[in-house]
Amino acid sequence: MTVSAGRVSRVVVTPVAFRDPPLLNVVGVHQPYVLRAIVQVHTDEGLVGLGETYADQAHLGRLEAVAAALPGADVFDLHGLRRIVAEALGESTGGAGASFGGMLEVSSAVDTVVSPFEVALLDLQGKAMGRPLSDLLGGAVRERVPYSAYLFYKWAGHPGQEDDDWGEGRTPEQLVAQARRMVDEYGFTAIKLKGGVYEPRHEAETVEALADAFPGHKLRIDPNGAWTVGTSVEMARLSGVLEYLEDPTPGIEGMAEVSKHTELPLATNMCVIAFEHIKPAVAADAVQVVLSDHHLWGGLRRSALLGGICETFGMGLSMHSNSHLGISLAAMTHLAASTPNLTYACDTHYPWKTEEVVKPGVLEFRDGGVAVPRGPGLGVELDEDALAALHEQYLKCGQRGREDTAYMQSIVPDFTPNTARW
């Protein structure tokens, strides 16, 4: 029997905006909206594949360049997709690098642009064959993917707006209450704290309060490189309660120096975010856990390749999250389900969002995890009305990129990013 999904007939890229609380981090505070791009790849056989990615102006330009070049492509030719992307970016952007959120920079934009299109083509392949996407990645080795609660220090509400449903999160007690709500509602058994906001002693007290309140839970803290090497080594004394310490100090060299002085595993999604970073990181023994992210690493198949490389070098594997919608959550879940050595609970911002573009009923957090969708492809269906509403919100919100630092400085004029400050 011959299986065909046909050829690409047209591609639609739709920028959307969804509401976000004022979550604090090392470079500032989240703006009132998160921007994402929803990619729809149509075929001449009437199928539609879905992808999701970033939506700053520069990235949208790259996506549109590929969208114009992709019609006629074979849905199963994923190597051809990469060639199309490389050629489109070479013509439209000179093959320049890309920056996302003020913390992540890559020397080539190709992987970040390939990703949503590759997810969409794999979605189409799964739909054509009537098989879930995880089957295309080797098969699911787990039926449910565990995720971690993701805690943030935060303001009670955006300035000039009413307090949000979560309220203020500044003190250890408030963060314990935040965690309690997430654990009670979603059943998480791992908890991650976004640090780099306050003086390290305050954040250590928060971790210790969480350890006291949730003695059976695995804990992590991620200060996004806010600490010096010396402070990172001192903070590693939390090794008695932490599962791993994520990006305490900037760069492979700095992480390697910290690693010399602690047995606590160091994790990263900042100094190892491309294949070119793996060799120097391994040579320096800078990190013991890599946080994968298919949006950055070139899609699902290259993320699976990363999993194999980590296994070869005895490195652990977890998964990074940026603010996302259900298309990305579905892709993340299929990837994690089909990567045998991805044994840490994955990060997700999902509990913070209140708006969605996929129809409900498939992606539900229970007992700290999400069941792998069993429908064909990604297993989720786009809600066209919701997509239109969030696109209209994008048009009206005024944001065209992620500017955590600029937004913070509009409220706290003397703020400067906290990278390696303490």
Protein backbone atom coordinates (compact mmCIF):
# COMPACT_ATOMS: atom_id res chain seq x y z
CA MET A 1 0.00 0.00 0.00
CA THR A 2 1.36 3.41 -0.96
CA VAL A 3 0.90 6.18 1.58
CA SER A 4 0.95 9.76 0.35
CA ALA A 5 0.26 13.05 2.05
CA GLY A 6 0.70 14.83 -1.27
CA ARG A 7 2.69 17.97 -1.83
CA VAL A 8 2.55 21.33 -0.12
CA SER A 9 0.00 23.57 -1.83
CA ARG A 10 0.16 26.62 0.42
CA VAL A 11 1.42 27.75 3.81
CA VAL A 12 -0.26 30.17 6.21
CA VAL A 13 1.67 31.84 9.05
CA THR A 14 -0.55 33.54 11.63
CA PRO A 15 0.94 35.61 14.48
CA VAL A 16 -1.09 35.48 17.69
CA ALA A 17 -0.91 37.05 21.14
CA PHE A 18 -2.12 35.55 24.41
CA ARG A 19 -2.20 37.07 27.88
CA ASP A 20 0.75 36.57 30.22
CA PRO A 21 1.19 37.49 33.91
CA PRO A 22 4.06 39.78 35.05
CA LEU A 23 6.57 37.00 35.64
CA LEU A 24 10.00 38.20 36.79
CA ASN A 25 13.33 36.95 35.49
CA VAL A 26 16.98 37.90 35.19
CA VAL A 27 16.43 40.34 32.30
CA GLY A 28 13.21 41.96 33.47
CA VAL A 29 9.54 41.02 33.48
CA HIS A 30 7.14 39.39 31.05
CA GLN A 31 5.02 41.79 29.04
CA PRO A 32 1.21 41.58 29.09
CA TYR A 33 1.17 39.32 26.03
CA VAL A 34 3.16 36.41 24.64
CA LEU A 35 3.64 36.36 20.87
CA ARG A 36 3.56 33.07 18.94
CA ALA A 37 3.29 32.13 15.28
CA ILE A 38 0.96 29.34 14.17
CA VAL A 39 2.05 27.60 10.97
CA GLN A 40 -0.51 25.77 8.80
CA VAL A 41 0.88 23.70 5.93
CA HIS A 42 -1.82 22.69 3.41
CA THR A 43 -1.43 19.89 0.87
CA ASP A 44 -2.98 19.22 -2.50
CA GLU A 45 -4.76 16.23 -0.91
CA GLY A 46 -6.65 18.41 1.56
CA LEU A 47 -4.61 17.76 4.70
CA VAL A 48 -3.35 20.49 7.05
CA GLY A 49 -0.29 20.16 9.30
CA LEU A 50 0.35 22.39 12.30
CA GLY A 51 3.45 23.98 13.80
CA GLU A 52 4.13 26.67 16.41
CA THR A 53 7.10 28.95 17.07
CA TYR A 54 8.25 32.43 18.12
CA ALA A 55 6.68 35.52 16.57
CA ASP A 56 8.98 38.51 16.85
CA GLN A 57 9.17 40.61 13.70
CA ALA A 58 12.50 39.24 12.47
CA HIS A 59 11.38 35.65 12.95
CA LEU A 60 8.06 36.27 11.20
CA GLY A 61 10.01 37.57 8.22
CA ARG A 62 12.01 34.36 8.09
CA LEU A 63 8.88 32.23 8.38
CA GLU A 64 7.17 34.10 5.56
CA ALA A 65 10.21 33.64 3.32
CA VAL A 66 10.01 29.88 3.81
CA ALA A 67 6.22 29.86 3.47
CA ALA A 68 6.60 31.39 0.02
CA ALA A 69 9.24 28.83 -1.01
CA LEU A 70 7.64 25.65 0.35
CA PRO A 71 4.70 25.02 -2.07
CA GLY A 72 5.45 22.02 -4.27
CA ALA A 73 7.60 20.30 -1.65
CA ASP A 74 7.05 16.60 -0.88
CA VAL A 75 5.61 16.25 2.63
CA PHE A 76 7.97 13.30 3.31
CA ASP A 77 11.12 15.08 2.12
CA LEU A 78 12.41 16.49 5.41
CA HIS A 79 15.97 16.84 4.11
CA GLY A 80 14.54 18.86 1.27
CA LEU A 81 12.76 21.07 3.80
CA ARG A 82 16.09 21.96 5.37
CA ARG A 83 17.54 22.85 1.98
CA ILE A 84 14.55 25.04 1.21
CA VAL A 85 14.90 26.85 4.54
CA ALA A 86 18.63 27.41 4.13
CA GLU A 87 18.15 28.79 0.62
CA ALA A 88 15.22 31.01 1.65
CA LEU A 89 17.14 32.49 4.55
CA GLY A 90 20.24 32.99 2.46
CA GLU A 91 18.23 35.06 0.01
CA SER A 92 16.14 36.99 2.53
CA THR A 93 18.37 37.47 5.57
CA GLY A 94 21.91 36.64 4.57
CA GLY A 95 21.82 33.59 6.84
CA ALA A 96 22.14 35.71 9.96
CA GLY A 97 21.77 34.41 13.50
CA ALA A 98 18.81 34.95 15.76
CA SER A 99 18.05 36.12 19.30
CA PHE A 100 15.04 35.22 21.43
CA GLY A 101 13.90 36.88 24.64
CA GLY A 102 17.19 38.58 25.43
CA MET A 103 18.77 35.36 26.76
CA LEU A 104 19.06 32.90 23.84
CA GLU A 105 21.20 33.60 20.79
CA VAL A 106 22.10 31.26 17.95
CA SER A 107 24.65 31.83 15.20
CA SER A 108 22.32 30.48 12.51
CA ALA A 109 18.56 30.90 12.31
CA VAL A 110 18.09 27.79 10.17
CA ASP A 111 17.26 25.38 13.01
CA THR A 112 14.74 27.72 14.63
CA VAL A 113 13.00 28.28 11.30
CA VAL A 114 13.03 24.61 10.22
CA SER A 115 11.37 23.53 13.47
CA PRO A 116 7.71 24.61 13.03
CA PHE A 117 7.67 23.48 9.40
CA GLU A 118 9.19 20.10 10.27
CA VAL A 119 6.59 19.62 13.03
CA ALA A 120 3.85 20.50 10.52
CA LEU A 121 5.20 18.03 7.93
CA LEU A 122 5.45 15.27 10.54
CA ASP A 123 1.89 16.11 11.58
CA LEU A 124 0.87 15.65 7.94
CA GLN A 125 2.76 12.36 7.66
CA GLY A 126 1.03 11.04 10.76
CA LYS A 127 -2.36 12.10 9.44
CA ALA A 128 -1.68 10.43 6.08
CA MET A 129 -0.70 7.16 7.77
CA GLY A 130 -3.26 7.34 10.57
CA ARG A 131 -0.50 7.09 13.18
CA PRO A 132 0.44 9.35 16.12
CA LEU A 133 3.52 11.48 15.59
CA SER A 134 5.45 9.64 18.32
CA ASP A 135 5.32 6.53 16.11
CA LEU A 136 7.28 8.43 13.46
CA LEU A 137 10.00 9.10 16.06
CA GLY A 138 10.44 5.43 16.93
CA GLY A 139 7.39 4.82 19.07
CA ALA A 140 6.30 5.97 22.51
CA VAL A 141 8.25 4.39 25.37
CA ARG A 142 5.91 5.97 27.93
CA GLU A 143 2.17 6.59 27.75
CA ARG A 144 2.28 9.72 29.92
CA VAL A 145 4.96 12.43 29.97
CA PRO A 146 5.74 14.00 33.37
CA TYR A 147 6.03 17.80 33.61
CA SER A 148 7.21 20.05 36.42
CA ALA A 149 5.51 22.95 38.16
CA TYR A 150 7.19 26.17 37.00
CA LEU A 151 7.25 28.84 39.71
CA PHE A 152 8.00 32.52 39.18
CA TYR A 153 8.56 35.51 41.39
CA LYS A 154 5.95 37.94 40.13
CA TRP A 155 4.06 41.14 40.66
CA ALA A 156 0.42 40.93 41.70
CA GLY A 157 -0.59 42.32 38.32
CA HIS A 158 0.67 44.35 35.40
CA PRO A 159 0.95 48.05 36.30
CA GLY A 160 -2.30 49.85 35.59
CA GLN A 161 -4.26 46.59 35.47
CA GLU A 162 -6.16 44.61 38.08
CA ASP A 163 -4.29 41.94 40.02
CA ASP A 164 -4.26 38.61 38.21
CA ASP A 165 -5.63 35.35 39.55
CA TRP A 166 -2.24 34.28 40.96
CA GLY A 167 -1.53 37.44 42.97
CA GLU A 168 1.86 38.51 44.24
CA GLY A 169 4.83 36.13 44.42
CA ARG A 170 7.80 37.70 46.19
CA THR A 171 8.32 35.87 49.48
CA PRO A 172 9.11 32.22 50.23
CA GLU A 173 5.65 31.86 51.72
CA GLN A 174 3.99 33.23 48.59
CA LEU A 175 6.01 30.90 46.36
CA VAL A 176 5.05 27.92 48.51
CA ALA A 177 1.39 28.92 48.08
CA GLN A 178 1.96 29.22 44.32
CA ALA A 179 3.47 25.74 44.27
CA ARG A 180 0.66 24.35 46.41
CA ARG A 181 -1.92 25.57 43.92
CA MET A 182 -0.06 24.00 40.98
CA VAL A 183 0.54 20.72 42.78
CA ASP A 184 -3.05 20.45 43.99
CA GLU A 185 -4.49 21.30 40.57
CA TYR A 186 -2.12 19.41 38.28
CA GLY A 187 -0.43 16.81 40.49
CA PHE A 188 3.16 17.85 39.70
CA THR A 189 5.87 15.87 41.51
CA ALA A 190 8.74 18.12 40.37
CA ILE A 191 9.02 21.87 40.99
CA LYS A 192 11.20 24.42 39.22
CA LEU A 193 11.83 27.96 40.50
CA LYS A 194 12.84 30.72 38.11
CA GLY A 195 15.55 32.59 40.00
CA GLY A 196 17.96 35.38 39.21
CA VAL A 197 15.48 37.96 40.46
CA TYR A 198 16.45 38.53 44.09
CA GLU A 199 19.65 38.27 46.13
CA PRO A 200 20.76 34.60 46.25
CA ARG A 201 20.13 34.21 49.97
CA HIS A 202 16.46 35.08 49.45
CA GLU A 203 16.14 32.56 46.64
CA ALA A 204 17.89 29.89 48.71
CA GLU A 205 15.35 30.51 51.47
CA THR A 206 12.59 30.00 48.91
CA VAL A 207 14.07 26.67 47.81
CA GLU A 208 14.43 25.58 51.43
CA ALA A 209 10.81 26.54 52.14
CA LEU A 210 9.71 24.51 49.13
CA ALA A 211 11.76 21.54 50.33
CA ASP A 212 10.07 21.72 53.73
CA ALA A 213 6.59 22.04 52.21
CA PHE A 214 7.07 19.35 49.54
CA PRO A 215 9.52 16.80 50.99
CA GLY A 216 8.81 14.18 48.31
CA HIS A 217 9.15 16.50 45.33
CA LYS A 218 12.18 17.01 43.09
CA LEU A 219 13.32 20.64 43.12
CA ARG A 220 15.25 22.81 40.66
CA ILE A 221 16.26 26.46 40.46
CA ASP A 222 17.22 28.38 37.32
CA PRO A 223 18.79 31.83 37.87
CA ASN A 224 19.61 32.22 34.14
CA GLY A 225 23.29 32.98 34.77
CA ALA A 226 22.65 35.62 37.44
CA TRP A 227 25.42 34.40 39.77
CA THR A 228 29.19 34.57 39.70
CA VAL A 229 31.16 31.34 39.77
CA GLY A 230 31.89 31.80 43.49
CA THR A 231 28.25 32.38 44.36
CA SER A 232 27.22 29.43 42.18
CA VAL A 233 29.58 27.14 44.08
CA GLU A 234 28.22 28.44 47.38
CA MET A 235 24.61 27.99 46.24
CA ALA A 236 25.38 24.43 45.15
CA ARG A 237 25.29 23.61 48.86
CA LEU A 238 21.56 23.19 48.21
CA SER A 239 22.59 19.84 46.70
CA GLY A 240 20.79 18.11 49.53
CA VAL A 241 17.42 19.26 48.16
CA LEU A 242 18.01 20.01 44.47
CA GLU A 243 17.62 17.56 41.59
CA TYR A 244 19.93 19.74 39.49
CA LEU A 245 21.11 23.35 39.32
CA GLU A 246 20.28 25.06 36.03
CA ASP A 247 22.50 27.74 34.46
CA PRO A 248 23.79 29.31 37.68
CA THR A 249 26.52 31.28 35.85
CA PRO A 250 27.02 32.29 32.19
CA GLY A 251 28.92 30.34 29.56
CA ILE A 252 30.59 26.96 29.15
CA GLU A 253 33.79 28.16 30.83
CA GLY A 254 31.97 29.44 33.89
CA MET A 255 29.80 26.35 34.18
CA ALA A 256 32.88 24.13 33.89
CA GLU A 257 34.52 25.97 36.79
CA VAL A 258 31.44 25.51 38.97
CA SER A 259 31.27 21.85 38.00
CA LYS A 260 34.78 21.30 39.40
CA HIS A 261 33.57 22.20 42.88
CA THR A 262 30.29 20.35 43.24
CA GLU A 263 28.79 16.92 42.73
CA LEU A 264 25.39 18.50 42.05
CA PRO A 265 24.48 18.04 38.36
CA LEU A 266 24.49 21.26 36.36
CA ALA A 267 21.84 21.68 33.68
CA THR A 268 21.60 24.17 30.82
CA ASN A 269 19.42 25.59 28.12
CA MET A 270 21.66 28.65 27.71
CA CYS A 271 25.25 27.61 27.03
CA VAL A 272 24.37 24.47 25.04
CA ILE A 273 21.55 25.32 22.63
CA ALA A 274 23.06 24.17 19.31
CA PHE A 275 25.04 21.15 18.13
CA GLU A 276 28.19 23.24 17.83
CA HIS A 277 28.12 23.76 21.62
CA ILE A 278 28.15 20.08 22.55
CA LYS A 279 31.81 19.28 21.87
CA PRO A 280 33.29 22.11 23.98
CA ALA A 281 30.77 21.48 26.77
CA VAL A 282 31.63 17.78 26.91
CA ALA A 283 35.36 18.47 26.74
CA ALA A 284 35.11 20.87 29.70
CA ASP A 285 32.62 18.74 31.67
CA ALA A 286 30.56 21.92 31.94
CA VAL A 287 27.08 20.40 32.12
CA GLN A 288 25.62 17.08 33.15
CA VAL A 289 22.03 17.66 31.96
CA VAL A 290 21.00 19.26 28.65
CA LEU A 291 17.56 20.83 28.38
CA SER A 292 16.37 20.12 24.86
CA ASP A 293 13.96 22.39 23.00
CA HIS A 294 12.73 21.43 19.54
CA HIS A 295 12.04 25.10 18.73
CA LEU A 296 15.78 25.81 18.98
CA TRP A 297 17.41 22.51 17.99
CA GLY A 298 15.85 22.19 14.54
CA GLY A 299 12.68 20.22 15.18
CA LEU A 300 11.74 16.84 16.58
CA ARG A 301 14.12 14.56 14.68
CA ARG A 302 17.19 16.65 15.49
CA SER A 303 16.05 16.78 19.11
CA ALA A 304 15.92 12.99 19.06
CA LEU A 305 19.47 13.07 17.67
CA LEU A 306 20.46 15.27 20.60
CA GLY A 307 19.02 12.61 22.90
CA GLY A 308 21.29 10.00 21.35
CA ILE A 309 24.35 12.24 21.71
CA CYS A 310 23.55 12.87 25.38
CA GLU A 311 23.22 9.14 25.95
CA THR A 312 26.59 8.54 24.27
CA PHE A 313 28.35 10.97 26.61
CA GLY A 314 26.47 9.95 29.75
CA MET A 315 24.62 13.26 30.02
CA GLY A 316 21.10 13.56 31.37
CA LEU A 317 18.29 14.97 29.25
CA SER A 318 15.42 17.22 30.23
CA MET A 319 13.26 19.70 28.27
CA HIS A 320 13.17 23.50 28.29
CA SER A 321 10.00 25.52 27.96
CA ASN A 322 9.25 28.99 26.74
CA SER A 323 5.71 30.36 26.94
CA HIS A 324 3.72 28.25 24.49
CA LEU A 325 0.32 27.06 23.31
CA GLY A 326 -1.11 23.60 22.72
CA ILE A 327 0.52 22.85 19.38
CA SER A 328 3.93 23.12 21.00
CA LEU A 329 2.76 21.16 24.06
CA ALA A 330 1.59 18.33 21.81
CA ALA A 331 4.91 18.30 19.94
CA MET A 332 6.86 18.37 23.22
CA THR A 333 4.81 15.48 24.57
CA HIS A 334 5.30 13.29 21.48
CA LEU A 335 9.04 14.02 21.53
CA ALA A 336 9.46 13.28 25.24
CA ALA A 337 7.37 10.12 24.95
CA SER A 338 9.59 8.75 22.19
CA THR A 339 12.98 9.68 23.69
CA PRO A 340 13.95 6.83 26.05
CA ASN A 341 16.63 8.73 28.00
CA LEU A 342 14.55 11.87 28.55
CA THR A 343 13.84 10.80 32.12
CA TYR A 344 13.52 14.16 33.90
CA ALA A 345 10.14 15.87 34.16
CA CYS A 346 9.85 18.46 31.39
CA ASP A 347 9.44 22.20 31.96
CA THR A 348 6.20 23.87 30.87
CA HIS A 349 4.66 27.33 31.20
CA TYR A 350 1.26 25.87 30.38
CA PRO A 351 -0.44 26.48 33.78
CA TRP A 352 0.22 30.23 33.43
CA LYS A 353 -1.81 30.70 30.27
CA THR A 354 -5.55 31.35 30.00
CA GLU A 355 -6.03 31.25 26.21
CA GLU A 356 -5.55 28.54 23.60
CA VAL A 357 -5.69 27.80 19.86
CA VAL A 358 -6.37 24.03 19.95
CA LYS A 359 -9.69 22.48 20.80
CA PRO A 360 -9.98 21.12 24.36
CA GLY A 361 -10.13 17.49 25.44
CA VAL A 362 -6.77 16.09 24.34
CA LEU A 363 -4.06 17.88 26.34
CA GLU A 364 -4.91 17.55 30.02
CA PHE A 365 -2.54 17.63 32.99
CA ARG A 366 -3.28 14.79 35.40
CA ASP A 367 -1.00 13.35 38.07
CA GLY A 368 1.73 15.73 36.96
CA GLY A 369 1.79 14.66 33.35
CA VAL A 370 0.12 14.69 29.94
CA ALA A 371 -1.04 11.53 28.19
CA VAL A 372 0.49 11.10 24.74
CA PRO A 373 -2.16 12.04 22.14
CA ARG A 374 -3.23 8.93 20.24
CA GLY A 375 -4.89 10.61 17.28
CA PRO A 376 -3.07 10.83 13.94
CA GLY A 377 -0.14 13.25 13.74
CA LEU A 378 0.03 15.66 16.65
CA GLY A 379 -3.43 14.52 17.67
CA VAL A 380 -4.76 18.03 18.26
CA GLU A 381 -7.22 20.09 16.23
CA LEU A 382 -6.93 23.81 15.56
CA ASP A 383 -9.78 25.99 16.83
CA GLU A 384 -10.21 28.42 13.94
CA ASP A 385 -12.34 30.86 15.96
CA ALA A 386 -9.76 30.97 18.76
CA LEU A 387 -6.97 31.45 16.21
CA ALA A 388 -8.82 34.40 14.70
CA ALA A 389 -9.44 35.94 18.13
CA LEU A 390 -5.80 35.64 19.19
CA HIS A 391 -4.64 37.02 15.85
CA GLU A 392 -6.93 40.03 16.36
CA GLN A 393 -5.42 40.37 19.84
CA TYR A 394 -1.96 40.37 18.23
CA LEU A 395 -2.97 43.16 15.89
CA LYS A 396 -4.30 45.29 18.74
CA CYS A 397 -1.80 44.59 21.55
CA GLY A 398 1.01 46.77 20.20
CA GLN A 399 3.79 44.25 20.95
CA ARG A 400 5.94 43.07 18.07
CA GLY A 401 8.72 41.32 19.97
CA ARG A 402 9.68 40.09 23.40
CA GLU A 403 11.17 43.00 25.36
CA ASP A 404 11.39 41.98 29.03
CA THR A 405 14.13 44.50 29.80
CA ALA A 406 12.50 47.44 28.03
CA TYR A 407 9.17 46.71 29.69
CA MET A 408 10.81 46.55 33.12
CA GLN A 409 12.68 49.81 32.48
CA SER A 410 9.42 51.53 31.55
CA ILE A 411 8.32 50.79 35.12
CA VAL A 412 11.67 50.72 36.98
CA PRO A 413 13.88 53.13 34.97
CA ASP A 414 17.17 52.23 36.68
CA PHE A 415 16.78 48.46 36.18
CA THR A 416 19.65 46.59 34.51
CA PRO A 417 19.70 42.86 33.72
CA ASN A 418 21.04 40.75 36.57
CA THR A 419 23.35 38.46 34.56
CA ALA A 420 26.34 37.46 36.73
CA ARG A 421 25.44 40.26 39.14
CA TRP A 422 25.60 38.31 42.39
